Protein backbone atom coordinates (compact mmCIF):
# COMPACT_ATOMS: atom_id res chain seq x y z
CA UNK A 1 -87.48 -50.75 25.32
CA UNK A 2 -88.49 -50.26 28.63
CA UNK A 3 -89.31 -46.42 29.80
CA UNK A 4 -88.46 -45.62 33.47
CA UNK A 5 -89.58 -42.87 34.98
CA UNK A 6 -87.18 -41.24 36.64
CA UNK A 7 -87.51 -39.53 40.05
CA UNK A 8 -85.57 -36.61 41.45
CA UNK A 9 -82.90 -37.10 44.33
CA UNK A 10 -81.64 -35.07 46.92
CA UNK A 11 -77.65 -34.96 46.81
CA UNK A 12 -75.00 -33.93 48.93
CA UNK A 13 -72.94 -31.49 48.41
CA UNK A 14 -69.63 -32.45 47.04
CA UNK A 15 -66.29 -32.63 48.37
CA UNK A 16 -63.30 -30.80 47.81
CA UNK A 17 -60.27 -32.81 48.43
CA UNK A 18 -57.37 -30.24 49.95
CA UNK A 19 -54.25 -33.28 48.91
CA UNK A 20 -55.65 -33.97 45.39
CA UNK A 21 -57.18 -30.27 44.89
CA UNK A 22 -60.58 -32.51 43.26
CA UNK A 23 -64.04 -32.08 43.57
CA UNK A 24 -65.81 -34.80 43.50
CA UNK A 25 -68.98 -36.62 45.06
CA UNK A 26 -70.17 -40.13 44.95
CA UNK A 27 -74.07 -40.66 42.97
CA UNK A 28 -74.96 -43.84 42.14
CA UNK A 29 -78.40 -45.28 39.75
CA UNK A 30 -81.29 -47.17 41.44
CA UNK A 31 -82.64 -48.76 38.63
CA UNK A 32 -85.27 -50.67 40.74
CA UNK A 33 -86.09 -47.71 42.62
CA UNK A 34 -86.32 -45.70 39.16
CA UNK A 35 -84.07 -43.05 40.82
CA UNK A 36 -80.50 -41.67 39.53
CA UNK A 37 -77.71 -39.83 40.45
CA UNK A 38 -74.89 -38.56 38.50
CA UNK A 39 -71.18 -39.69 39.82
CA UNK A 40 -68.90 -36.66 37.85
CA UNK A 41 -65.75 -35.82 39.34
CA UNK A 42 -63.77 -32.38 38.70
CA UNK A 43 -59.81 -31.64 38.59
CA UNK A 44 -59.56 -28.39 37.98
CA UNK A 45 -55.94 -26.95 35.61
CA UNK A 46 -53.17 -25.67 38.26
CA UNK A 47 -52.44 -22.44 37.98
CA UNK A 48 -48.71 -21.86 37.39
CA UNK A 49 -46.97 -19.52 39.22
CA UNK A 50 -45.82 -16.51 37.79
CA UNK A 51 -42.26 -17.78 37.83
CA UNK A 52 -43.28 -20.70 35.99
CA UNK A 53 -45.64 -18.76 33.58
CA UNK A 54 -42.86 -16.60 32.99
CA UNK A 55 -40.45 -19.09 32.43
CA UNK A 56 -42.49 -20.88 30.20
CA UNK A 57 -42.97 -17.45 27.88
CA UNK A 58 -39.06 -17.62 28.00
CA UNK A 59 -39.10 -20.57 26.40
CA UNK A 60 -41.81 -19.71 23.69
CA UNK A 61 -40.24 -16.43 23.12
CA UNK A 62 -36.62 -18.29 22.50
CA UNK A 63 -37.95 -20.31 20.16
CA UNK A 64 -39.86 -17.90 18.22
CA UNK A 65 -37.08 -15.34 17.99
CA UNK A 66 -34.98 -18.53 16.49
CA UNK A 67 -37.45 -19.70 13.90
CA UNK A 68 -38.93 -15.78 13.41
CA UNK A 69 -36.62 -12.75 14.18
CA UNK A 70 -33.09 -14.70 13.59
CA UNK A 71 -33.33 -15.19 9.99
CA UNK A 72 -34.69 -11.28 9.77
CA UNK A 73 -31.44 -10.32 11.39
CA UNK A 74 -29.26 -11.94 8.96
CA UNK A 75 -31.55 -10.23 6.08
CA UNK A 76 -30.91 -6.80 7.90
CA UNK A 77 -27.11 -7.77 8.12
CA UNK A 78 -27.04 -8.63 3.68
CA UNK A 79 -29.31 -5.51 3.47
CA UNK A 80 -32.29 -7.38 2.48
CA UNK A 81 -34.75 -5.83 4.84
CA UNK A 82 -34.93 -2.89 6.96
CA UNK A 83 -33.63 -2.80 10.31
CA UNK A 84 -37.19 -1.72 11.63
CA UNK A 85 -38.78 -5.30 10.19
CA UNK A 86 -36.43 -6.90 12.07
CA UNK A 87 -37.50 -4.89 15.54
CA UNK A 88 -40.98 -5.22 14.42
CA UNK A 89 -41.20 -8.72 14.56
CA UNK A 90 -38.89 -8.76 18.24
CA UNK A 91 -42.16 -6.68 19.57
CA UNK A 92 -44.19 -8.90 17.58
CA UNK A 93 -42.96 -11.79 19.60
CA UNK A 94 -42.97 -10.00 22.97
CA UNK A 95 -46.33 -9.09 22.96
CA UNK A 96 -47.37 -12.85 21.72
CA UNK A 97 -45.73 -14.05 24.97
CA UNK A 98 -45.61 -11.15 27.50
CA UNK A 99 -44.09 -11.77 30.68
CA UNK A 100 -46.01 -11.34 34.03
CA UNK A 101 -45.10 -8.88 36.69
CA UNK A 102 -47.61 -9.88 39.80
């Protein structure tokens, strides 16, 4: 295989695109000149609003209540577990999927 000596290439600062919320650069490799630059792009993960986040937590809580705490409620009604077991499960779900206030 050929060995190519690479030189340091001065680069321009990346550009932030406000419309697409992306950070990108346009650099290329030049084998004849024995130089290279890296082509890359960065798309940040959008941060959900508090309302969107809380809606997601509400959905996750509802699913967890259905699968985890509702069966304990039925067991409690049949005297197969204590009320505290049921309440502890509800508290555990609330801690696992917390709401944000600000």
